[in-house]
Amino acid sequence: MMSEGLDEEFEKAYTQISLTNEKIAPDDLLRLYAYYKQATEGKAHASISQSTDLIQSFKFNAWKQVHNLTQKEAKIEYIELSKKILK
Protein backbone atom coordinates (compact mmCIF):
# COMPACT_ATOMS: atom_id res chain seq x y z
CA MET A 1 0.00 0.00 0.00
CA MET A 2 1.43 3.37 -0.96
CA SER A 3 1.57 5.88 1.88
CA GLU A 4 -0.42 8.51 -0.03
CA GLY A 5 -3.14 5.97 -0.84
CA LEU A 6 -3.14 4.85 2.79
CA ASP A 7 -3.61 8.42 4.00
CA GLU A 8 -6.54 8.90 1.62
CA GLU A 9 -8.13 5.62 2.67
CA PHE A 10 -7.62 6.52 6.35
CA GLU A 11 -9.28 9.93 5.87
CA LYS A 12 -12.16 8.30 3.99
CA ALA A 13 -12.66 5.71 6.77
CA TYR A 14 -12.56 8.46 9.41
CA THR A 15 -15.18 10.49 7.54
CA GLN A 16 -17.44 7.46 7.04
CA ILE A 17 -17.25 6.48 10.73
CA SER A 18 -17.83 10.09 11.80
CA LEU A 19 -20.95 10.40 9.65
CA THR A 20 -22.48 6.97 10.19
CA ASN A 21 -25.82 6.48 11.90
CA GLU A 22 -24.81 2.92 12.81
CA LYS A 23 -24.74 2.13 16.51
CA ILE A 24 -21.09 1.40 17.26
CA ALA A 25 -20.28 -0.81 20.26
CA PRO A 26 -18.39 1.00 23.05
CA ASP A 27 -15.37 -1.32 22.76
CA ASP A 28 -15.16 -0.63 19.02
CA LEU A 29 -15.42 3.12 19.67
CA LEU A 30 -12.48 2.87 22.08
CA ARG A 31 -10.45 0.88 19.57
CA LEU A 32 -11.23 3.40 16.81
CA TYR A 33 -10.18 6.21 19.13
CA ALA A 34 -6.96 4.44 20.07
CA TYR A 35 -6.02 3.66 16.46
CA TYR A 36 -6.86 7.21 15.39
CA LYS A 37 -4.75 8.79 18.13
CA GLN A 38 -1.85 6.41 17.45
CA ALA A 39 -2.11 7.06 13.70
CA THR A 40 -2.23 10.84 14.02
CA GLU A 41 -0.15 11.56 17.15
CA GLY A 42 1.98 8.50 17.78
CA LYS A 43 2.60 7.15 21.27
CA ALA A 44 0.43 8.28 24.17
CA HIS A 45 2.20 10.58 26.62
CA ALA A 46 1.99 9.88 30.35
CA SER A 47 1.13 13.51 31.14
CA ILE A 48 -2.18 13.13 29.32
CA SER A 49 -3.36 10.40 31.70
CA GLN A 50 -3.69 12.70 34.73
CA SER A 51 -7.44 13.01 34.11
CA THR A 52 -9.87 11.96 36.84
CA ASP A 53 -12.60 11.73 34.20
CA LEU A 54 -13.48 8.05 33.79
CA ILE A 55 -14.18 8.29 30.05
CA GLN A 56 -10.89 10.09 29.42
CA SER A 57 -9.10 7.42 31.45
CA PHE A 58 -10.65 4.62 29.35
CA LYS A 59 -9.67 6.46 26.16
CA PHE A 60 -6.10 6.98 27.35
CA ASN A 61 -5.78 3.33 28.40
CA ALA A 62 -7.07 2.16 25.01
CA TRP A 63 -4.49 4.39 23.31
CA LYS A 64 -1.70 3.05 25.54
CA GLN A 65 -2.65 -0.52 24.56
CA VAL A 66 -1.80 0.15 20.90
CA HIS A 67 1.50 1.91 21.62
CA ASN A 68 3.43 -0.85 19.85
CA LEU A 69 1.84 -0.01 16.47
CA THR A 70 3.53 2.33 14.04
CA GLN A 71 1.43 5.21 12.74
CA LYS A 72 1.05 3.33 9.44
CA GLU A 73 -0.06 0.14 11.20
CA ALA A 74 -2.56 2.10 13.29
CA LYS A 75 -4.06 3.60 10.12
CA ILE A 76 -4.41 0.12 8.61
CA GLU A 77 -6.07 -1.19 11.80
CA TYR A 78 -8.44 1.80 11.85
CA ILE A 79 -9.42 1.21 8.22
CA GLU A 80 -9.99 -2.53 8.78
CA LEU A 81 -12.10 -1.97 11.90
CA SER A 82 -14.17 0.73 10.20
CA LYS A 83 -14.87 -1.66 7.30
CA LYS A 84 -16.11 -4.33 9.75
CA ILE A 85 -18.39 -1.83 11.50
CA LEU A 86 -19.80 -0.33 8.31
CA LYS A 87 -20.29 -3.55 6.31
C-alpha atoms as a PDB file:
ATOM      1  CA  MET A   1       0.000   0.000   0.000  1.00  0.00           C
ATOM      2  CA  MET A   2       1.430   3.369  -0.958  1.00  0.00           C
ATOM      3  CA  SER A   3       1.574   5.883   1.879  1.00  0.00           C
ATOM      4  CA  GLU A   4      -0.417   8.506  -0.033  1.00  0.00           C
ATOM      5  CA  GLY A   5      -3.138   5.973  -0.835  1.00  0.00           C
ATOM      6  CA  LEU A   6      -3.137   4.846   2.793  1.00  0.00           C
ATOM      7  CA  ASP A   7      -3.613   8.421   4.002  1.00  0.00           C
ATOM      8  CA  GLU A   8      -6.536   8.904   1.623  1.00  0.00           C
ATOM      9  CA  GLU A   9      -8.129   5.624   2.668  1.00  0.00           C
ATOM     10  CA  PHE A  10      -7.623   6.525   6.348  1.00  0.00           C
ATOM     11  CA  GLU A  11      -9.285   9.929   5.868  1.00  0.00           C
ATOM     12  CA  LYS A  12     -12.163   8.300   3.994  1.00  0.00           C
ATOM     13  CA  ALA A  13     -12.657   5.714   6.767  1.00  0.00           C
ATOM     14  CA  TYR A  14     -12.556   8.456   9.409  1.00  0.00           C
ATOM     15  CA  THR A  15     -15.178  10.486   7.539  1.00  0.00           C
ATOM     16  CA  GLN A  16     -17.444   7.464   7.042  1.00  0.00           C
ATOM     17  CA  ILE A  17     -17.247   6.480  10.727  1.00  0.00           C
ATOM     18  CA  SER A  18     -17.835  10.093  11.802  1.00  0.00           C
ATOM     19  CA  LEU A  19     -20.952  10.399   9.648  1.00  0.00           C
ATOM     20  CA  THR A  20     -22.480   6.967  10.193  1.00  0.00           C
ATOM     21  CA  ASN A  21     -25.816   6.480  11.902  1.00  0.00           C
ATOM     22  CA  GLU A  22     -24.807   2.918  12.807  1.00  0.00           C
ATOM     23  CA  LYS A  23     -24.740   2.131  16.511  1.00  0.00           C
ATOM     24  CA  ILE A  24     -21.094   1.399  17.262  1.00  0.00           C
ATOM     25  CA  ALA A  25     -20.282  -0.809  20.256  1.00  0.00           C
ATOM     26  CA  PRO A  26     -18.389   0.999  23.050  1.00  0.00           C
ATOM     27  CA  ASP A  27     -15.366  -1.318  22.761  1.00  0.00           C
ATOM     28  CA  ASP A  28     -15.162  -0.628  19.020  1.00  0.00           C
ATOM     29  CA  LEU A  29     -15.415   3.120  19.673  1.00  0.00           C
ATOM     30  CA  LEU A  30     -12.484   2.866  22.085  1.00  0.00           C
ATOM     31  CA  ARG A  31     -10.450   0.875  19.567  1.00  0.00           C
ATOM     32  CA  LEU A  32     -11.234   3.400  16.814  1.00  0.00           C
ATOM     33  CA  TYR A  33     -10.184   6.215  19.131  1.00  0.00           C
ATOM     34  CA  ALA A  34      -6.956   4.442  20.074  1.00  0.00           C
ATOM     35  CA  TYR A  35      -6.025   3.656  16.462  1.00  0.00           C
ATOM     36  CA  TYR A  36      -6.859   7.205  15.388  1.00  0.00           C
ATOM     37  CA  LYS A  37      -4.745   8.786  18.133  1.00  0.00           C
ATOM     38  CA  GLN A  38      -1.850   6.410  17.452  1.00  0.00           C
ATOM     39  CA  ALA A  39      -2.109   7.060  13.704  1.00  0.00           C
ATOM     40  CA  THR A  40      -2.231  10.838  14.021  1.00  0.00           C
ATOM     41  CA  GLU A  41      -0.154  11.561  17.146  1.00  0.00           C
ATOM     42  CA  GLY A  42       1.979   8.501  17.785  1.00  0.00           C
ATOM     43  CA  LYS A  43       2.596   7.145  21.272  1.00  0.00           C
ATOM     44  CA  ALA A  44       0.425   8.283  24.173  1.00  0.00           C
ATOM     45  CA  HIS A  45       2.198  10.576  26.619  1.00  0.00           C
ATOM     46  CA  ALA A  46       1.990   9.878  30.352  1.00  0.00           C
ATOM     47  CA  SER A  47       1.133  13.508  31.141  1.00  0.00           C
ATOM     48  CA  ILE A  48      -2.179  13.133  29.317  1.00  0.00           C
ATOM     49  CA  SER A  49      -3.362  10.398  31.701  1.00  0.00           C
ATOM     50  CA  GLN A  50      -3.694  12.696  34.725  1.00  0.00           C
ATOM     51  CA  SER A  51      -7.438  13.012  34.112  1.00  0.00           C
ATOM     52  CA  THR A  52      -9.867  11.960  36.839  1.00  0.00           C
ATOM     53  CA  ASP A  53     -12.604  11.732  34.197  1.00  0.00           C
ATOM     54  CA  LEU A  54     -13.476   8.050  33.793  1.00  0.00           C
ATOM     55  CA  ILE A  55     -14.181   8.292  30.047  1.00  0.00           C
ATOM     56  CA  GLN A  56     -10.889  10.090  29.420  1.00  0.00           C
ATOM     57  CA  SER A  57      -9.097   7.415  31.447  1.00  0.00           C
ATOM     58  CA  PHE A  58     -10.646   4.622  29.348  1.00  0.00           C
ATOM     59  CA  LYS A  59      -9.673   6.463  26.158  1.00  0.00           C
ATOM     60  CA  PHE A  60      -6.102   6.980  27.346  1.00  0.00           C
ATOM     61  CA  ASN A  61      -5.777   3.332  28.398  1.00  0.00           C
ATOM     62  CA  ALA A  62      -7.074   2.163  25.014  1.00  0.00           C
ATOM     63  CA  TRP A  63      -4.494   4.393  23.312  1.00  0.00           C
ATOM     64  CA  LYS A  64      -1.702   3.054  25.540  1.00  0.00           C
ATOM     65  CA  GLN A  65      -2.646  -0.515  24.556  1.00  0.00           C
ATOM     66  CA  VAL A  66      -1.800   0.145  20.897  1.00  0.00           C
ATOM     67  CA  HIS A  67       1.503   1.914  21.617  1.00  0.00           C
ATOM     68  CA  ASN A  68       3.430  -0.846  19.845  1.00  0.00           C
ATOM     69  CA  LEU A  69       1.838  -0.006  16.472  1.00  0.00           C
ATOM     70  CA  THR A  70       3.529   2.328  14.038  1.00  0.00           C
ATOM     71  CA  GLN A  71       1.427   5.208  12.735  1.00  0.00           C
ATOM     72  CA  LYS A  72       1.053   3.330   9.439  1.00  0.00           C
ATOM     73  CA  GLU A  73      -0.058   0.139  11.199  1.00  0.00           C
ATOM     74  CA  ALA A  74      -2.564   2.102  13.286  1.00  0.00           C
ATOM     75  CA  LYS A  75      -4.058   3.596  10.115  1.00  0.00           C
ATOM     76  CA  ILE A  76      -4.414   0.120   8.612  1.00  0.00           C
ATOM     77  CA  GLU A  77      -6.070  -1.191  11.798  1.00  0.00           C
ATOM     78  CA  TYR A  78      -8.439   1.797  11.853  1.00  0.00           C
ATOM     79  CA  ILE A  79      -9.419   1.206   8.218  1.00  0.00           C
ATOM     80  CA  GLU A  80      -9.986  -2.533   8.782  1.00  0.00           C
ATOM     81  CA  LEU A  81     -12.098  -1.970  11.901  1.00  0.00           C
ATOM     82  CA  SER A  82     -14.168   0.727  10.197  1.00  0.00           C
ATOM     83  CA  LYS A  83     -14.867  -1.663   7.304  1.00  0.00           C
ATOM     84  CA  LYS A  84     -16.112  -4.333   9.753  1.00  0.00           C
ATOM     85  CA  ILE A  85     -18.385  -1.825  11.498  1.00  0.00           C
ATOM     86  CA  LEU A  86     -19.797  -0.334   8.311  1.00  0.00           C
ATOM     87  CA  LYS A  87     -20.289  -3.547   6.311  1.00  0.00           C
END
